[in-house]
Amino acid sequence: MVEANPVQGTQLGIHGSADDATHYDDALPDVSAKSAATYYDQLVFLRDRLERLDTAALSRPDQVDHHVLVGQVRLDLLQLTEL
């Protein structure tokens, strides 16, 4: 998902990869309709997978991470579809 939104990746502290440590720092997202549709599909897939996860089986820190990630995915979907 960072590939689809490199600005968000940089905001989250993901600046690059092992091959290129600053790959996302100087990249902008593709804002085409096709890219937005692909990103939407990825977000829906991730949201659905996260919502099916049994969080009771997770450690407390992992439950917090799950909660934050679900919130971020929902926010991204809202921004993509409503704003």
Protein backbone atom coordinates (compact mmCIF):
# COMPACT_ATOMS: atom_id res chain seq x y z
CA MET A 1 0.00 0.00 0.00
CA VAL A 2 2.94 2.30 0.50
CA GLU A 3 3.67 1.96 -3.21
CA ALA A 4 0.21 3.39 -3.94
CA ASN A 5 0.67 6.26 -1.50
CA PRO A 6 4.36 7.03 -0.95
CA VAL A 7 3.56 10.29 0.87
CA GLN A 8 1.70 8.36 3.53
CA GLY A 9 4.58 5.91 3.70
CA THR A 10 6.99 8.74 4.44
CA GLN A 11 4.59 10.14 7.07
CA LEU A 12 4.54 6.72 8.72
CA GLY A 13 8.33 6.63 8.79
CA ILE A 14 8.74 4.23 5.85
CA HIS A 15 11.26 6.15 3.77
CA GLY A 16 12.40 3.45 1.39
CA SER A 17 13.52 -0.09 0.97
CA ALA A 18 16.75 -1.98 1.42
CA ASP A 19 17.64 -1.17 -2.19
CA ASP A 20 16.82 2.55 -1.97
CA ALA A 21 16.66 4.08 1.50
CA THR A 22 14.87 7.24 0.32
CA HIS A 23 12.62 5.76 -2.39
CA TYR A 24 9.36 7.11 -0.92
CA ASP A 25 10.76 10.44 0.24
CA ASP A 26 10.83 11.91 -3.24
CA ALA A 27 7.85 10.10 -4.77
CA LEU A 28 4.28 11.24 -5.32
CA PRO A 29 1.24 8.98 -5.68
CA ASP A 30 -0.30 8.13 -9.03
CA VAL A 31 -3.61 10.04 -9.03
CA SER A 32 -5.11 8.41 -12.13
CA ALA A 33 -8.58 6.85 -11.97
CA LYS A 34 -7.09 3.40 -12.60
CA SER A 35 -4.65 3.78 -9.72
CA ALA A 36 -7.41 5.02 -7.41
CA ALA A 37 -9.57 2.01 -8.32
CA THR A 38 -6.70 -0.39 -7.63
CA TYR A 39 -5.94 1.32 -4.31
CA TYR A 40 -9.63 1.15 -3.36
CA ASP A 41 -9.70 -2.60 -4.09
CA GLN A 42 -6.57 -3.11 -1.98
CA LEU A 43 -8.07 -1.15 0.91
CA VAL A 44 -11.35 -3.07 0.81
CA PHE A 45 -9.45 -6.38 0.74
CA LEU A 46 -7.29 -5.32 3.70
CA ARG A 47 -10.28 -3.96 5.66
CA ASP A 48 -12.21 -7.20 5.16
CA ARG A 49 -9.23 -9.35 6.20
CA LEU A 50 -8.57 -7.22 9.28
CA GLU A 51 -12.22 -7.32 10.35
CA ARG A 52 -12.24 -11.14 10.17
CA LEU A 53 -9.16 -11.43 12.38
CA ASP A 54 -9.74 -12.83 15.88
CA THR A 55 -8.12 -10.07 17.90
CA ALA A 56 -8.71 -11.88 21.19
CA ALA A 57 -5.89 -14.23 20.21
CA LEU A 58 -3.46 -11.31 19.77
CA SER A 59 -1.15 -9.84 22.39
CA ARG A 60 -2.22 -6.46 23.77
CA PRO A 61 0.35 -4.53 21.69
CA ASP A 62 -0.80 -6.39 18.56
CA GLN A 63 -4.43 -5.58 19.41
CA VAL A 64 -3.49 -1.90 19.57
CA ASP A 65 -1.66 -2.16 16.23
CA HIS A 66 -4.70 -3.88 14.74
CA HIS A 67 -7.01 -1.13 16.01
CA VAL A 68 -4.77 1.60 14.60
CA LEU A 69 -4.43 -0.16 11.25
CA VAL A 70 -8.20 -0.71 10.92
CA GLY A 71 -8.76 2.97 11.68
CA GLN A 72 -6.20 4.03 9.08
CA VAL A 73 -7.71 1.79 6.41
CA ARG A 74 -11.20 3.12 7.14
CA LEU A 75 -9.92 6.68 6.99
CA ASP A 76 -8.19 6.02 3.67
CA LEU A 77 -11.42 4.55 2.28
CA LEU A 78 -13.39 7.55 3.50
CA GLN A 79 -10.95 9.96 1.92
CA LEU A 80 -10.99 8.03 -1.34
CA THR A 81 -14.77 7.74 -1.59
CA GLU A 82 -16.25 10.72 0.24
CA LEU A 83 -13.78 13.59 0.26
